[in-house]
Amino acid sequence: MDLFMKTSIFGAALADVYKDEEDRELPALPKMDLGGDFTEDLTAMLFAMRVVAGRITHNSWDILEFTHVLNTLAVQHLLEDKEDKDDDN
């Protein structure tokens, strides 16, 4: 299975969480096998996240811009988590 097909499957899975059951796409797509090159699967997940997030937010990030968005969110989460822990002490 090529990277484009894997990206399409992951994208459908992500988009399906926002759809009514009868409108979901994933049952019509082929099952992916776990094995082989998991790096390609992770890459497909990243690309799918970028496509779905772009459709929802109407942004057209390139892959580096999108990873910057993800990194910013991760750092923001860690800082907020640290602030919450500091407030508890």
Protein backbone atom coordinates (compact mmCIF):
# COMPACT_ATOMS: atom_id res chain seq x y z
CA MET A 1 0.00 0.00 0.00
CA ASP A 2 1.49 3.35 -0.99
CA LEU A 3 1.82 6.53 1.10
CA PHE A 4 -1.08 8.25 -0.69
CA MET A 5 -3.50 5.40 0.11
CA LYS A 6 -2.33 5.27 3.74
CA THR A 7 -2.79 9.03 4.04
CA SER A 8 -6.30 8.71 2.58
CA ILE A 9 -7.23 6.00 5.08
CA PHE A 10 -5.91 7.92 8.08
CA GLY A 11 -7.57 11.09 6.79
CA ALA A 12 -10.91 9.30 6.48
CA ALA A 13 -10.54 7.94 10.01
CA LEU A 14 -9.86 11.43 11.38
CA ALA A 15 -12.67 13.05 9.43
CA ASP A 16 -15.13 10.29 10.35
CA VAL A 17 -15.13 11.27 14.02
CA TYR A 18 -17.03 14.42 12.99
CA LYS A 19 -19.57 12.62 10.79
CA ASP A 20 -22.82 10.81 11.48
CA GLU A 21 -22.47 7.03 11.35
CA GLU A 22 -24.22 6.69 7.99
CA ASP A 23 -21.89 9.28 6.41
CA ARG A 24 -18.58 7.73 7.52
CA GLU A 25 -16.05 6.69 4.88
CA LEU A 26 -13.77 4.29 6.76
CA PRO A 27 -15.80 1.07 6.31
CA ALA A 28 -15.39 1.44 2.53
CA LEU A 29 -11.59 1.68 2.70
CA PRO A 30 -9.16 -1.26 2.85
CA LYS A 31 -7.70 -2.48 6.13
CA MET A 32 -4.07 -1.58 6.75
CA ASP A 33 -1.64 -4.19 8.01
CA LEU A 34 0.62 -3.36 10.93
CA GLY A 35 4.07 -4.40 9.92
CA GLY A 36 6.79 -3.43 7.60
CA ASP A 37 7.76 0.23 7.48
CA PHE A 38 5.93 1.93 10.37
CA THR A 39 7.81 5.14 9.53
CA GLU A 40 5.68 5.41 6.40
CA ASP A 41 2.54 4.91 8.49
CA LEU A 42 3.56 7.73 10.84
CA THR A 43 4.29 9.95 7.87
CA ALA A 44 0.85 9.16 6.43
CA MET A 45 -0.73 10.01 9.82
CA LEU A 46 1.07 13.37 9.84
CA PHE A 47 -0.02 14.17 6.29
CA ALA A 48 -3.61 13.14 7.08
CA MET A 49 -3.68 15.34 10.19
CA ARG A 50 -2.46 18.28 8.09
CA VAL A 51 -5.12 17.73 5.43
CA VAL A 52 -7.99 17.33 7.91
CA ALA A 53 -6.87 20.28 10.07
CA GLY A 54 -6.48 22.40 6.95
CA ARG A 55 -10.00 21.59 5.79
CA ILE A 56 -11.46 22.45 9.19
CA THR A 57 -9.49 25.67 9.71
CA HIS A 58 -9.23 26.69 6.03
CA ASN A 59 -5.43 26.90 6.33
CA SER A 60 -3.06 25.69 3.65
CA TRP A 61 -0.01 24.89 5.76
CA ASP A 62 2.91 23.13 4.15
CA ILE A 63 4.22 20.19 6.14
CA LEU A 64 6.86 22.22 8.00
CA GLU A 65 4.36 24.92 8.96
CA PHE A 66 2.01 22.23 10.24
CA THR A 67 4.69 20.56 12.33
CA HIS A 68 5.43 24.00 13.80
CA VAL A 69 1.75 24.30 14.76
CA LEU A 70 1.89 20.87 16.42
CA ASN A 71 5.10 21.73 18.26
CA THR A 72 3.60 25.02 19.45
CA LEU A 73 0.56 23.18 20.79
CA ALA A 74 2.78 20.62 22.54
CA VAL A 75 4.89 23.31 24.23
CA GLN A 76 1.74 25.26 25.18
CA HIS A 77 0.27 22.13 26.76
CA LEU A 78 3.45 21.42 28.71
CA LEU A 79 3.63 25.00 29.98
CA GLU A 80 -0.03 24.98 31.03
CA ASP A 81 0.46 21.60 32.72
CA LYS A 82 3.50 22.97 34.58
CA GLU A 83 1.54 26.08 35.65
CA ASP A 84 -1.26 23.86 36.98
CA LYS A 85 1.22 21.79 38.98
CA ASP A 86 2.91 24.94 40.31
CA ASP A 87 -0.47 26.32 41.39
CA ASP A 88 -1.15 23.12 43.34
CA ASN A 89 2.03 23.62 45.42
